[in-house]
Amino acid sequence: MDDLYEAFYNLPLLYMLGGDERFLRLAHFHWDAVNRQAQQYGLVKDEYELGYDQFHQSEGNLYFCLLCSADPENPVLFERARRFADLFLGMPNYDPDLNIIRAVHTGAGGPRWGYLDEGKHIWSRFMEPFALPFEDIEGIQSYEDLGDWNESAVHTDNRQRMMSAMNTRMGQGDSVCNLLATSLVTNAFLMTGDHAYSDWVLKYTQGWWDRAAENQGVIPDNVRLDGRVGAMFDGAWYGAAYGWTWPLGYDYVDDSLTVAAMNATLVSGSTDWLKLPGQHFDLIFSKGHVVDDYQALAPPRPDPWIVNLTKQAGSNKAFVAPKKRGQNGWFAEFPFIVGPLASRWCTSFDSKDAERLAKLEEAEPQDWSVSYSFRAKGDDGHERPWFTYVSGRNDSYPEEILNQSLDQVAARLAMVEADTADLTCVHIHHWQNHNPITTEALVQLTLGAPQQRYNGGFHRACFRYFDRTNNRLGLPPNVSALVRRIDNTGAELTLVNLHQSSSRQVSIQGGFFGEHEIVDVTIANASSSISVNGHCFDVLLSAATQITLRIQLKRFARSPSNVWPTQPREHTLSK
């Protein structure tokens, strides 16, 4: 179900960056169209997913949350934001006394007990790299014992016993991946300012942080309906769906931890929430080493940047670490996904997160400054070369990533032109694979942050822009922006008005949600600063001019909101 929403998620984002207003209209049209069709097929109730795991739901929720950011005064979105978030604030999905979401599959229909529908199974060659969900089922020692290619009586019995174990153990109680539900509730806070939503985000996240403290600093992945960790897994802190054992271990746990920590930081203003996911990176990193051929390892799921770079270099050497935990200890070595770590650094600007990036860069045999053209599912993956750029070590990166993005757009448009498929019979990912919009480069270069986490994360940004003349979000026509030299005090911003005869006025906000206070602004080569001490200021750019500013930020000093600044600005710089 989430895949149908995902195909169009970046329409509202492109609009917010300065794209044509038709992208906002199309964003509404497609969201409503997908919703109506899904409701007809019984997948959606009252405009929300009937009940599925948060790893997938959050991918679809990403579209809705971006739509809210792009059109925050829309009364329909305002009502939906409240109604969707309220699904997780109380029974039947959430137990407020035990502070748990009661099942891994939840939604508008309440908990969907069990993990697989009766008679269904997930065993195919596609799932083989993810290994077995459980290692203690008698007679099932390897994936081949499930035999999707052989319908023998033995294999059928094995499947049924594995499915029964999954339905019993994974089908009730809380899973660490439910931390991703904090995004839907954070969105309601950003839309309404109602602290009932921010309070829930902090309470629910704290519950998991407390469980980590009780487990020697490692977050468990399961909680039974009675609130006990490990009760469904013979006392083990690992084993839940989208947890430490299956399907991909640390990468999924890390995304859940990171998204929740960033949401808690946004609504509370405290970056202390980010310490726990940082400690988990330290744990996994400490087990890492370099191998000559990461492709020989299983399951092979490295960062897409490494895949593309090793293809070009003709070498599969990589730094790997065990990402999964089972009853026999840590296993499944493969490279790191850098996106969560880069997102945390761009939120905290803590020296420890910077040191983690530096340690990983030193450990990996690849050159982090190299950028290759590719388009990952989350429209991300270029965090390494972007980090070297904002660190002042890769000045050619902006031109390289823009050219590579144009290549990706051209390739997708060619796919669309050549597409003769019967659209009533295509694979569910057909629409995603043909979407020509890419925003990663624009987000990195104009907002000063990596692309948001695909599993429901919110954008982190040094700045956000508003077109006062046309009374809309995004950069004005003919205006370009470039953010560089980012640190814990602020960032450098260059604005260019490319129009040859007309001036342009742009408002600059601190943070994507106005969460950062702009302390002061210094024009390059000027001897003095202009004090702002507010959430935004304006720049009036004469025709064919450029201005470079050093903007000091006090991070997370203001209450975040989707509502964009409409009051008169006290400060306007002219060039």
Protein backbone atom coordinates (compact mmCIF):
# COMPACT_ATOMS: atom_id res chain seq x y z
CA MET A 1 0.00 0.00 0.00
CA ASP A 2 2.80 2.43 0.89
CA ASP A 3 4.36 2.02 -2.56
CA LEU A 4 1.36 3.69 -4.18
CA TYR A 5 1.88 6.83 -2.07
CA GLU A 6 5.66 6.76 -2.46
CA ALA A 7 5.52 7.23 -6.21
CA PHE A 8 4.45 10.85 -5.73
CA TYR A 9 5.94 11.83 -2.35
CA ASN A 10 8.39 14.41 -3.71
CA LEU A 11 5.81 16.49 -5.60
CA PRO A 12 5.11 18.75 -2.59
CA LEU A 13 8.82 18.87 -1.74
CA LEU A 14 9.74 20.16 -5.19
CA TYR A 15 7.06 22.84 -4.81
CA MET A 16 8.47 23.90 -1.44
CA LEU A 17 11.92 24.29 -2.96
CA GLY A 18 10.56 26.74 -5.52
CA GLY A 19 8.96 24.48 -8.13
CA ASP A 20 5.90 25.51 -10.11
CA GLU A 21 2.60 25.66 -8.20
CA ARG A 22 1.19 22.91 -10.41
CA PHE A 23 3.33 20.47 -8.40
CA LEU A 24 1.28 21.29 -5.30
CA ARG A 25 -1.96 20.79 -7.22
CA LEU A 26 -0.69 17.47 -8.56
CA ALA A 27 0.41 16.44 -5.07
CA HIS A 28 -3.13 16.89 -3.75
CA PHE A 29 -4.64 15.19 -6.80
CA HIS A 30 -2.47 12.07 -6.59
CA TRP A 31 -2.77 11.70 -2.81
CA ASP A 32 -6.55 11.83 -3.02
CA ALA A 33 -6.60 9.49 -6.05
CA VAL A 34 -4.44 6.85 -4.36
CA ASN A 35 -6.52 7.12 -1.20
CA ARG A 36 -9.84 6.66 -3.00
CA GLN A 37 -8.61 3.63 -4.91
CA ALA A 38 -7.07 2.04 -1.82
CA GLN A 39 -10.32 2.56 0.10
CA GLN A 40 -12.24 0.77 -2.64
CA TYR A 41 -9.92 -2.23 -2.29
CA GLY A 42 -10.27 -2.32 1.50
CA LEU A 43 -6.71 -1.22 2.23
CA VAL A 44 -7.67 2.14 3.74
CA LYS A 45 -10.29 3.13 6.29
CA ASP A 46 -11.29 6.76 6.83
CA GLU A 47 -8.40 7.86 4.60
CA TYR A 48 -5.70 6.02 6.58
CA GLU A 49 -3.95 2.66 6.25
CA LEU A 50 -6.09 -0.11 7.74
CA GLY A 51 -3.17 -1.69 9.58
CA TYR A 52 0.44 -2.35 8.62
CA ASP A 53 3.91 -2.10 10.14
CA GLN A 54 5.40 1.34 10.69
CA PHE A 55 8.45 0.61 8.59
CA HIS A 56 6.17 0.64 5.55
CA GLN A 57 3.47 3.00 6.83
CA SER A 58 6.04 5.68 7.51
CA GLU A 59 7.20 5.57 3.89
CA GLY A 60 3.65 6.40 2.82
CA ASN A 61 3.20 8.91 5.65
CA LEU A 62 6.20 10.81 4.27
CA TYR A 63 3.99 11.99 1.39
CA PHE A 64 1.26 13.19 3.74
CA CYS A 65 3.64 15.03 6.06
CA LEU A 66 5.32 16.83 3.15
CA LEU A 67 1.88 17.78 1.83
CA CYS A 68 1.10 19.31 5.23
CA SER A 69 4.34 21.29 5.20
CA ALA A 70 3.60 22.54 1.70
CA ASP A 71 0.00 23.58 2.45
CA PRO A 72 -0.25 24.10 6.23
CA GLU A 73 -3.34 26.34 6.18
CA ASN A 74 -5.42 23.81 4.28
CA PRO A 75 -8.34 22.93 6.61
CA VAL A 76 -8.69 19.42 5.18
CA LEU A 77 -5.05 18.63 5.93
CA PHE A 78 -5.40 20.21 9.38
CA GLU A 79 -8.28 17.85 10.22
CA ARG A 80 -6.53 14.82 8.75
CA ALA A 81 -3.33 15.56 10.67
CA ARG A 82 -5.21 15.47 13.96
CA ARG A 83 -7.29 12.43 13.07
CA PHE A 84 -4.36 10.34 11.85
CA ALA A 85 -2.20 11.18 14.87
CA ASP A 86 -5.07 10.48 17.27
CA LEU A 87 -5.03 6.85 16.12
CA PHE A 88 -1.82 6.41 18.14
CA LEU A 89 -2.63 8.45 21.22
CA GLY A 90 -4.89 5.90 22.90
CA MET A 91 -6.68 2.58 22.68
CA PRO A 92 -6.98 0.37 20.78
CA ASN A 93 -3.60 0.97 19.10
CA TYR A 94 -1.77 2.46 22.08
CA ASP A 95 -1.81 1.49 25.76
CA PRO A 96 -1.16 4.74 27.68
CA ASP A 97 -0.56 2.94 30.98
CA LEU A 98 2.17 0.65 29.66
CA ASN A 99 3.32 3.23 27.07
CA ILE A 100 3.35 0.71 24.23
CA ILE A 101 1.87 0.46 20.75
CA ARG A 102 0.08 -2.84 21.02
CA ALA A 103 1.03 -4.54 17.74
CA VAL A 104 3.48 -4.24 14.89
CA HIS A 105 0.54 -3.94 12.46
CA THR A 106 -1.71 -1.07 13.50
CA GLY A 107 -3.74 1.64 11.83
CA ALA A 108 -7.27 2.89 11.27
CA GLY A 109 -8.64 -0.59 11.94
CA GLY A 110 -6.83 -0.95 15.27
CA PRO A 111 -4.26 -3.69 15.94
CA ARG A 112 -4.08 -6.40 13.28
CA TRP A 113 -3.05 -9.35 15.43
CA GLY A 114 -0.63 -11.79 13.89
CA TYR A 115 1.97 -11.10 11.27
CA LEU A 116 0.80 -12.93 8.14
CA ASP A 117 -2.77 -13.38 6.96
CA GLU A 118 -4.14 -16.91 7.07
CA GLY A 119 -2.73 -19.04 4.26
CA LYS A 120 -0.21 -16.39 3.16
CA HIS A 121 3.57 -16.64 3.16
CA ILE A 122 6.49 -14.42 2.16
CA TRP A 123 8.98 -17.07 1.12
CA SER A 124 10.54 -16.39 -2.25
CA ARG A 125 14.00 -15.98 -3.71
CA PHE A 126 13.66 -12.24 -3.10
CA MET A 127 13.53 -12.84 0.67
CA GLU A 128 16.43 -15.31 0.80
CA PRO A 129 19.17 -12.69 1.44
CA PHE A 130 17.37 -11.58 4.60
CA ALA A 131 17.86 -15.01 6.22
CA LEU A 132 15.46 -16.68 8.64
CA PRO A 133 13.30 -14.75 11.13
CA PHE A 134 13.94 -17.43 13.78
CA GLU A 135 16.78 -19.88 14.24
CA ASP A 136 15.13 -22.23 16.75
CA ILE A 137 12.34 -23.79 14.67
CA GLU A 138 13.00 -27.53 14.50
CA GLY A 139 13.84 -28.77 11.01
CA ILE A 140 14.40 -25.27 9.60
CA GLN A 141 18.12 -24.56 9.57
CA SER A 142 18.41 -22.64 6.31
CA TYR A 143 16.23 -20.71 3.90
CA GLU A 144 16.10 -23.69 1.54
CA ASP A 145 14.16 -25.62 4.17
CA LEU A 146 11.23 -23.29 3.38
CA GLY A 147 11.52 -24.25 -0.31
CA ASP A 148 9.55 -21.64 -2.26
CA TRP A 149 10.70 -23.46 -5.40
CA ASN A 150 9.56 -26.90 -4.20
CA GLU A 151 6.04 -27.53 -2.97
CA SER A 152 6.86 -30.79 -1.19
CA ALA A 153 4.93 -31.78 1.90
CA VAL A 154 8.01 -31.20 4.07
CA HIS A 155 8.47 -27.67 2.80
CA THR A 156 4.77 -26.89 3.19
CA ASP A 157 4.89 -28.06 6.82
CA ASN A 158 8.02 -26.01 7.48
CA ARG A 159 6.40 -22.91 6.07
CA GLN A 160 3.33 -23.39 8.21
CA ARG A 161 5.40 -23.82 11.35
CA MET A 162 7.52 -20.73 10.55
CA MET A 163 4.39 -18.69 9.81
CA SER A 164 2.81 -19.89 13.05
CA ALA A 165 5.90 -18.81 15.00
CA MET A 166 5.89 -15.39 13.33
CA ASN A 167 2.19 -14.88 14.01
CA THR A 168 2.62 -15.84 17.66
CA ARG A 169 5.86 -14.03 18.47
CA MET A 170 5.73 -11.04 16.12
CA GLY A 171 1.98 -10.61 15.97
CA GLN A 172 1.35 -8.89 19.28
CA GLY A 173 3.14 -6.35 21.43
CA ASP A 174 5.38 -3.41 20.59
CA SER A 175 8.29 -3.37 18.13
CA VAL A 176 11.14 -0.87 17.97
CA CYS A 177 10.06 0.04 14.42
CA ASN A 178 6.93 1.62 15.95
CA LEU A 179 9.17 4.52 16.95
CA LEU A 180 8.58 5.70 13.39
CA ALA A 181 4.97 6.51 14.39
CA THR A 182 6.37 9.54 16.21
CA SER A 183 6.56 11.30 12.83
CA LEU A 184 2.82 11.19 12.25
CA VAL A 185 2.26 12.60 15.74
CA THR A 186 5.01 15.20 15.32
CA ASN A 187 3.29 16.29 12.13
CA ALA A 188 0.10 16.97 14.08
CA PHE A 189 2.07 19.15 16.49
CA LEU A 190 3.63 21.08 13.59
CA MET A 191 0.17 21.65 12.13
CA THR A 192 -1.72 22.52 15.32
CA GLY A 193 0.76 23.53 18.02
CA ASP A 194 -1.15 21.23 20.40
CA HIS A 195 1.27 20.01 23.06
CA ALA A 196 -0.74 16.82 23.57
CA TYR A 197 1.09 15.62 20.45
CA SER A 198 4.57 16.76 21.43
CA ASP A 199 4.07 15.32 24.92
CA TRP A 200 3.17 11.93 23.41
CA VAL A 201 6.25 11.96 21.18
CA LEU A 202 8.49 12.57 24.19
CA LYS A 203 6.70 10.04 26.41
CA TYR A 204 6.71 7.24 23.86
CA THR A 205 10.32 7.83 22.84
CA GLN A 206 11.42 8.00 26.48
CA GLY A 207 9.82 4.60 27.07
CA TRP A 208 12.14 2.99 24.55
CA TRP A 209 15.15 4.98 25.80
CA ASP A 210 14.43 3.67 29.32
CA ARG A 211 14.34 0.09 28.03
CA ALA A 212 17.74 0.65 26.45
CA ALA A 213 19.12 1.91 29.77
CA GLU A 214 17.84 -1.29 31.41
CA ASN A 215 19.53 -3.39 28.70
CA GLN A 216 23.11 -2.13 29.15
CA GLY A 217 22.54 0.73 26.72
CA VAL A 218 21.30 -1.40 23.79
CA ILE A 219 17.71 -0.83 22.78
CA PRO A 220 15.62 -4.01 22.75
CA ASP A 221 13.31 -4.55 19.79
CA ASN A 222 10.26 -6.13 21.48
CA VAL A 223 7.80 -5.57 24.32
CA ARG A 224 4.90 -7.91 25.12
CA LEU A 225 1.36 -6.71 25.76
CA ASP A 226 2.06 -6.87 29.51
CA GLY A 227 5.02 -4.51 29.10
CA ARG A 228 7.77 -7.11 29.52
CA VAL A 229 10.77 -7.10 27.19
CA GLY A 230 11.59 -10.52 25.70
CA ALA A 231 8.48 -12.26 26.99
CA MET A 232 7.58 -13.58 23.53
CA PHE A 233 11.19 -14.51 22.67
CA ASP A 234 12.32 -16.67 25.58
CA GLY A 235 13.67 -13.58 27.33
CA ALA A 236 15.73 -12.33 24.38
CA TRP A 237 15.82 -8.59 23.70
CA TYR A 238 15.97 -9.27 19.96
CA GLY A 239 13.60 -11.01 17.54
CA ALA A 240 10.71 -8.64 16.74
CA ALA A 241 9.68 -7.76 13.20
CA TYR A 242 11.98 -5.06 11.76
CA GLY A 243 14.22 -5.47 14.78
CA TRP A 244 17.72 -6.74 15.43
CA THR A 245 17.35 -10.17 13.79
CA TRP A 246 15.04 -9.84 10.80
CA PRO A 247 15.08 -8.68 8.12
CA LEU A 248 18.06 -6.26 8.22
CA GLY A 249 18.92 -5.60 11.84
CA TYR A 250 20.87 -2.49 12.67
CA ASP A 251 19.97 -0.50 9.54
CA TYR A 252 16.25 -0.66 10.32
CA VAL A 253 16.77 -0.19 14.06
CA ASP A 254 19.06 2.76 13.34
CA ASP A 255 16.45 4.44 11.15
CA SER A 256 13.79 3.99 13.85
CA LEU A 257 16.09 5.35 16.55
CA THR A 258 17.26 8.26 14.41
CA VAL A 259 13.81 9.37 13.25
CA ALA A 260 12.40 9.25 16.79
CA ALA A 261 15.43 11.04 18.27
CA MET A 262 15.22 13.79 15.66
CA ASN A 263 11.48 14.19 16.26
CA ALA A 264 12.00 14.40 20.02
CA THR A 265 14.75 16.97 19.46
CA LEU A 266 12.51 19.04 17.22
CA VAL A 267 9.59 19.23 19.67
CA SER A 268 11.70 19.58 22.84
CA GLY A 269 14.68 21.63 21.65
CA SER A 270 17.13 19.23 23.31
CA THR A 271 19.70 17.34 21.26
CA ASP A 272 20.32 14.91 24.14
CA TRP A 273 17.88 12.53 22.47
CA LEU A 274 20.46 11.92 19.74
CA LYS A 275 23.02 10.40 22.10
CA LEU A 276 21.41 6.95 22.13
CA PRO A 277 21.50 6.32 18.36
CA GLY A 278 25.07 7.64 18.40
CA GLN A 279 26.01 5.05 21.03
CA HIS A 280 24.52 2.31 18.85
CA PHE A 281 26.68 3.43 15.93
CA ASP A 282 29.70 3.18 18.23
CA LEU A 283 28.72 -0.36 19.21
CA ILE A 284 28.39 -1.61 15.63
CA PHE A 285 31.39 0.36 14.34
CA SER A 286 33.63 -1.18 17.00
CA LYS A 287 32.97 -4.61 15.47
CA GLY A 288 33.88 -3.50 11.93
CA HIS A 289 36.79 -4.35 9.64
CA VAL A 290 37.78 -4.11 5.97
CA VAL A 291 37.06 -7.02 3.60
CA ASP A 292 38.30 -7.49 0.05
CA ASP A 293 34.91 -8.48 -1.40
CA TYR A 294 31.75 -7.27 0.35
CA GLN A 295 29.65 -8.83 -2.43
CA ALA A 296 30.57 -12.26 -1.10
CA LEU A 297 28.86 -11.46 2.19
CA ALA A 298 25.17 -11.94 2.91
CA PRO A 299 22.85 -10.17 2.89
CA PRO A 300 24.40 -7.63 0.48
CA ARG A 301 22.77 -4.30 1.29
CA PRO A 302 25.44 -1.61 1.27
CA ASP A 303 24.97 2.10 0.88
CA PRO A 304 24.14 2.83 -2.82
CA TRP A 305 27.12 5.16 -3.01
CA ILE A 306 29.45 2.24 -2.25
CA VAL A 307 27.71 0.08 -4.86
CA ASN A 308 28.23 2.68 -7.56
CA LEU A 309 31.73 3.62 -6.51
CA THR A 310 32.97 0.03 -6.39
CA LYS A 311 31.45 -0.63 -9.80
CA GLN A 312 33.48 2.22 -11.23
CA ALA A 313 36.65 1.33 -9.33
CA GLY A 314 36.45 -2.38 -10.11
CA SER A 315 37.08 -3.28 -6.47
CA ASN A 316 34.64 -4.66 -3.89
CA LYS A 317 36.81 -3.75 -0.91
CA ALA A 318 34.73 -2.20 1.86
CA PHE A 319 34.51 -1.56 5.59
CA VAL A 320 31.83 -3.86 7.03
CA ALA A 321 30.34 -4.65 10.43
CA PRO A 322 27.86 -7.25 11.75
CA LYS A 323 24.43 -5.70 11.56
CA LYS A 324 22.18 -8.43 13.00
CA ARG A 325 21.85 -10.15 16.37
CA GLY A 326 20.55 -13.70 16.87
CA GLN A 327 20.78 -16.46 19.41
CA ASN A 328 24.35 -17.22 18.27
CA GLY A 329 25.52 -13.62 18.57
CA TRP A 330 26.24 -10.94 15.98
CA PHE A 331 26.20 -11.84 12.28
CA ALA A 332 25.51 -10.56 8.73
CA GLU A 333 28.39 -8.22 7.90
CA PHE A 334 27.89 -5.47 5.35
CA PRO A 335 28.77 -1.77 4.86
CA PHE A 336 27.22 1.18 6.67
CA ILE A 337 24.34 3.30 5.46
CA VAL A 338 25.60 6.84 6.15
CA GLY A 339 22.29 8.73 5.85
CA PRO A 340 21.17 8.37 9.50
CA LEU A 341 24.58 9.41 10.84
CA ALA A 342 24.73 12.44 8.52
CA SER A 343 21.19 13.41 9.55
CA ARG A 344 22.08 13.22 13.24
CA TRP A 345 25.18 15.33 12.74
CA CYS A 346 23.15 17.90 10.81
CA THR A 347 20.72 18.01 13.74
CA SER A 348 23.08 18.08 16.70
CA PHE A 349 26.32 19.46 15.23
CA ASP A 350 27.82 17.70 18.20
CA SER A 351 31.57 17.11 17.98
CA LYS A 352 31.00 13.41 18.73
CA ASP A 353 28.78 13.00 15.66
CA ALA A 354 31.38 14.82 13.57
CA GLU A 355 34.04 12.47 14.98
CA ARG A 356 31.88 9.46 14.04
CA LEU A 357 31.69 10.63 10.46
CA ALA A 358 35.44 11.24 10.44
CA LYS A 359 36.14 7.76 11.87
CA LEU A 360 33.97 6.10 9.27
CA GLU A 361 35.58 8.12 6.47
CA GLU A 362 39.01 7.05 7.68
CA ALA A 363 37.96 3.40 7.98
CA GLU A 364 36.38 3.10 4.54
CA PRO A 365 38.76 2.48 1.62
CA GLN A 366 36.64 4.62 -0.73
CA ASP A 367 37.33 8.31 -1.39
CA TRP A 368 34.44 10.22 0.17
CA SER A 369 34.89 13.21 -2.12
CA VAL A 370 33.92 11.22 -5.23
CA SER A 371 30.34 11.55 -6.46
CA TYR A 372 28.67 9.22 -8.94
CA SER A 373 25.35 9.51 -10.72
CA PHE A 374 22.64 7.22 -9.32
CA ARG A 375 19.11 7.44 -8.01
CA ALA A 376 18.37 5.44 -4.83
CA LYS A 377 14.85 4.64 -3.67
CA GLY A 378 14.90 7.42 -1.10
CA ASP A 379 16.45 9.89 -3.55
CA ASP A 380 19.47 9.95 -1.26
CA GLY A 381 22.89 8.31 -0.94
CA HIS A 382 25.28 11.20 -1.71
CA GLU A 383 25.82 12.12 1.94
CA ARG A 384 29.54 11.28 1.88
CA PRO A 385 30.63 13.73 -0.85
CA TRP A 386 28.17 16.33 0.46
CA PHE A 387 29.78 16.08 3.92
CA THR A 388 33.23 16.66 2.44
CA TYR A 389 31.81 19.70 0.62
CA VAL A 390 30.26 21.41 3.66
CA SER A 391 33.45 20.59 5.55
CA GLY A 392 35.37 22.76 3.06
CA ARG A 393 37.18 19.90 1.29
CA ASN A 394 35.24 19.41 -1.96
CA ASP A 395 34.45 22.67 -3.76
CA SER A 396 33.56 20.92 -7.03
CA TYR A 397 30.69 18.95 -5.49
CA PRO A 398 27.79 21.38 -6.21
CA GLU A 399 28.48 21.40 -9.94
CA GLU A 400 29.01 17.62 -10.00
CA ILE A 401 25.80 16.71 -8.14
CA LEU A 402 23.70 19.14 -10.19
CA ASN A 403 24.98 17.64 -13.45
CA GLN A 404 24.40 14.13 -12.11
CA SER A 405 20.86 15.08 -11.07
CA LEU A 406 20.14 16.40 -14.55
CA ASP A 407 21.41 13.09 -15.94
CA GLN A 408 18.98 11.23 -13.67
CA VAL A 409 16.06 13.43 -14.75
CA ALA A 410 16.92 12.85 -18.42
CA ALA A 411 17.17 9.09 -17.87
CA ARG A 412 13.78 8.91 -16.13
CA LEU A 413 12.12 11.06 -18.80
CA ALA A 414 13.50 8.73 -21.45
CA MET A 415 11.98 5.80 -19.54
CA VAL A 416 8.62 7.56 -19.48
CA GLU A 417 8.80 8.28 -23.23
CA ALA A 418 9.65 4.66 -23.96
CA ASP A 419 7.08 3.16 -21.58
CA THR A 420 4.53 1.05 -23.48
CA ALA A 421 3.46 -1.13 -20.53
CA ASP A 422 -0.17 -1.92 -19.82
CA LEU A 423 -0.58 0.28 -16.76
CA THR A 424 -3.34 -1.93 -15.39
CA CYS A 425 -0.86 -4.82 -15.06
CA VAL A 426 2.45 -3.25 -14.04
CA HIS A 427 4.42 -3.98 -10.88
CA ILE A 428 3.57 -1.77 -7.90
CA HIS A 429 7.02 -0.10 -8.12
CA HIS A 430 6.48 0.89 -11.76
CA TRP A 431 5.44 4.42 -10.82
CA GLN A 432 8.34 4.97 -8.43
CA ASN A 433 10.85 3.75 -10.99
CA HIS A 434 9.53 6.19 -13.61
CA ASN A 435 9.24 9.29 -11.41
CA PRO A 436 11.64 11.84 -12.99
CA ILE A 437 11.70 14.25 -10.04
CA THR A 438 14.87 14.28 -7.95
CA THR A 439 15.41 16.68 -5.05
CA GLU A 440 18.50 15.43 -3.21
CA ALA A 441 20.89 17.95 -4.78
CA LEU A 442 18.47 20.86 -4.24
CA VAL A 443 17.94 19.92 -0.60
CA GLN A 444 21.67 19.57 0.08
CA LEU A 445 22.75 22.72 -1.72
CA THR A 446 19.91 25.15 -0.95
CA LEU A 447 18.76 23.99 2.50
CA GLY A 448 22.12 22.83 3.84
CA ALA A 449 21.11 19.34 4.93
CA PRO A 450 20.99 15.76 3.67
CA GLN A 451 17.79 14.41 2.16
CA GLN A 452 15.29 13.49 4.87
CA ARG A 453 15.10 9.91 6.12
CA TYR A 454 12.80 8.01 3.80
CA ASN A 455 11.02 6.18 6.61
CA GLY A 456 9.04 9.18 7.75
CA GLY A 457 11.81 11.57 8.77
CA PHE A 458 11.42 15.35 8.71
CA HIS A 459 13.78 17.68 6.92
CA ARG A 460 16.64 19.24 8.79
CA ALA A 461 17.76 22.51 7.25
CA CYS A 462 19.84 25.52 8.07
CA PHE A 463 17.36 27.72 6.22
CA ARG A 464 14.06 27.77 4.38
CA TYR A 465 12.91 30.33 1.83
CA PHE A 466 9.74 32.27 1.03
CA ASP A 467 8.79 34.31 -2.01
CA ARG A 468 7.17 37.45 -0.60
CA THR A 469 6.27 38.94 -3.96
CA ASN A 470 4.22 35.92 -5.02
CA ASN A 471 3.16 34.99 -1.48
CA ARG A 472 4.30 31.38 -1.67
CA LEU A 473 6.89 28.91 -0.37
CA GLY A 474 10.30 28.43 -1.95
CA LEU A 475 12.90 30.52 -3.68
CA PRO A 476 11.56 33.27 -5.98
CA PRO A 477 11.94 32.80 -9.74
CA ASN A 478 15.47 33.43 -11.01
CA VAL A 479 16.96 33.22 -7.50
CA SER A 480 19.54 30.57 -6.64
CA ALA A 481 20.88 29.64 -3.19
CA LEU A 482 23.97 27.75 -2.04
CA VAL A 483 24.71 26.75 1.57
CA ARG A 484 28.24 25.83 2.65
CA ARG A 485 30.65 25.85 5.57
CA ILE A 486 28.10 24.56 8.05
CA ASP A 487 28.99 24.21 11.73
CA ASN A 488 27.38 24.48 15.15
CA THR A 489 27.30 28.30 14.95
CA GLY A 490 25.56 28.63 11.61
CA ALA A 491 26.35 28.54 7.90
CA GLU A 492 27.39 30.55 4.89
CA LEU A 493 24.71 31.35 2.32
CA THR A 494 25.16 32.75 -1.17
CA LEU A 495 22.12 34.14 -3.03
CA VAL A 496 22.11 35.06 -6.72
CA ASN A 497 19.46 36.95 -8.69
CA LEU A 498 19.85 35.75 -12.26
CA HIS A 499 17.25 38.11 -13.72
CA GLN A 500 18.89 40.80 -15.85
CA SER A 501 16.42 43.63 -15.21
CA SER A 502 14.22 42.94 -12.16
CA SER A 503 14.96 42.79 -8.46
CA ARG A 504 13.88 39.87 -6.26
CA GLN A 505 12.97 39.72 -2.57
CA VAL A 506 13.45 36.52 -0.58
CA SER A 507 12.67 35.77 3.06
CA ILE A 508 15.09 33.49 4.89
CA GLN A 509 13.88 31.46 7.86
CA GLY A 510 16.04 29.71 10.43
CA GLY A 511 15.38 25.98 10.03
CA PHE A 512 12.80 24.14 7.98
CA PHE A 513 10.14 24.68 10.67
CA GLY A 514 11.41 27.99 12.07
CA GLU A 515 13.02 26.10 14.94
CA HIS A 516 16.33 28.00 14.76
CA GLU A 517 16.74 31.60 15.82
CA ILE A 518 18.75 33.83 13.50
CA VAL A 519 21.09 35.73 15.80
CA ASP A 520 22.95 37.95 13.37
CA VAL A 521 23.97 38.23 9.74
CA THR A 522 27.31 39.34 8.32
CA ILE A 523 27.70 40.31 4.68
CA ALA A 524 30.89 38.96 3.15
CA ASN A 525 33.73 41.52 3.23
CA ALA A 526 31.70 43.76 5.55
CA SER A 527 33.17 44.91 8.83
CA SER A 528 30.04 44.65 10.97
CA SER A 529 27.11 42.32 11.64
CA ILE A 530 23.39 43.02 11.55
CA SER A 531 21.57 41.80 14.63
CA VAL A 532 18.33 39.91 13.88
CA ASN A 533 17.40 37.84 16.96
CA GLY A 534 14.33 36.49 15.23
CA HIS A 535 13.19 33.61 13.08
CA CYS A 536 13.55 35.31 9.67
CA PHE A 537 14.83 38.29 7.70
CA ASP A 538 14.52 39.50 4.10
CA VAL A 539 17.06 40.09 1.36
CA LEU A 540 16.31 42.43 -1.55
CA LEU A 541 18.46 41.46 -4.52
CA SER A 542 18.92 43.93 -7.36
CA ALA A 543 18.97 42.60 -10.91
CA ALA A 544 21.96 40.39 -11.77
CA THR A 545 23.52 40.54 -8.32
CA GLN A 546 25.02 38.14 -5.81
CA ILE A 547 25.39 38.32 -2.04
CA THR A 548 27.18 36.04 0.43
CA LEU A 549 26.10 36.01 4.06
CA ARG A 550 27.42 34.37 7.19
CA ILE A 551 24.34 33.64 9.29
CA GLN A 552 24.67 32.84 12.97
CA LEU A 553 22.03 30.46 14.29
CA LYS A 554 20.88 29.56 17.76
CA ARG A 555 19.61 26.08 17.07
CA PHE A 556 16.29 24.78 18.42
CA ALA A 557 15.61 28.02 20.25
CA ARG A 558 12.07 28.41 18.92
CA SER A 559 8.92 26.30 18.82
CA PRO A 560 8.68 24.58 15.43
CA SER A 561 5.68 25.00 13.16
CA ASN A 562 4.55 24.34 9.60
CA VAL A 563 3.08 27.84 9.47
CA TRP A 564 5.36 30.15 7.54
CA PRO A 565 6.18 33.68 8.72
CA THR A 566 3.70 36.29 7.52
CA GLN A 567 4.33 39.18 9.89
CA PRO A 568 6.40 42.18 8.71
CA ARG A 569 10.13 41.67 8.86
CA GLU A 570 12.13 44.13 10.85
CA HIS A 571 15.30 43.42 8.94
CA THR A 572 15.84 43.70 5.20
CA LEU A 573 19.26 43.51 3.60
CA SER A 574 19.78 45.01 0.15
CA LYS A 575 22.31 44.23 -2.54
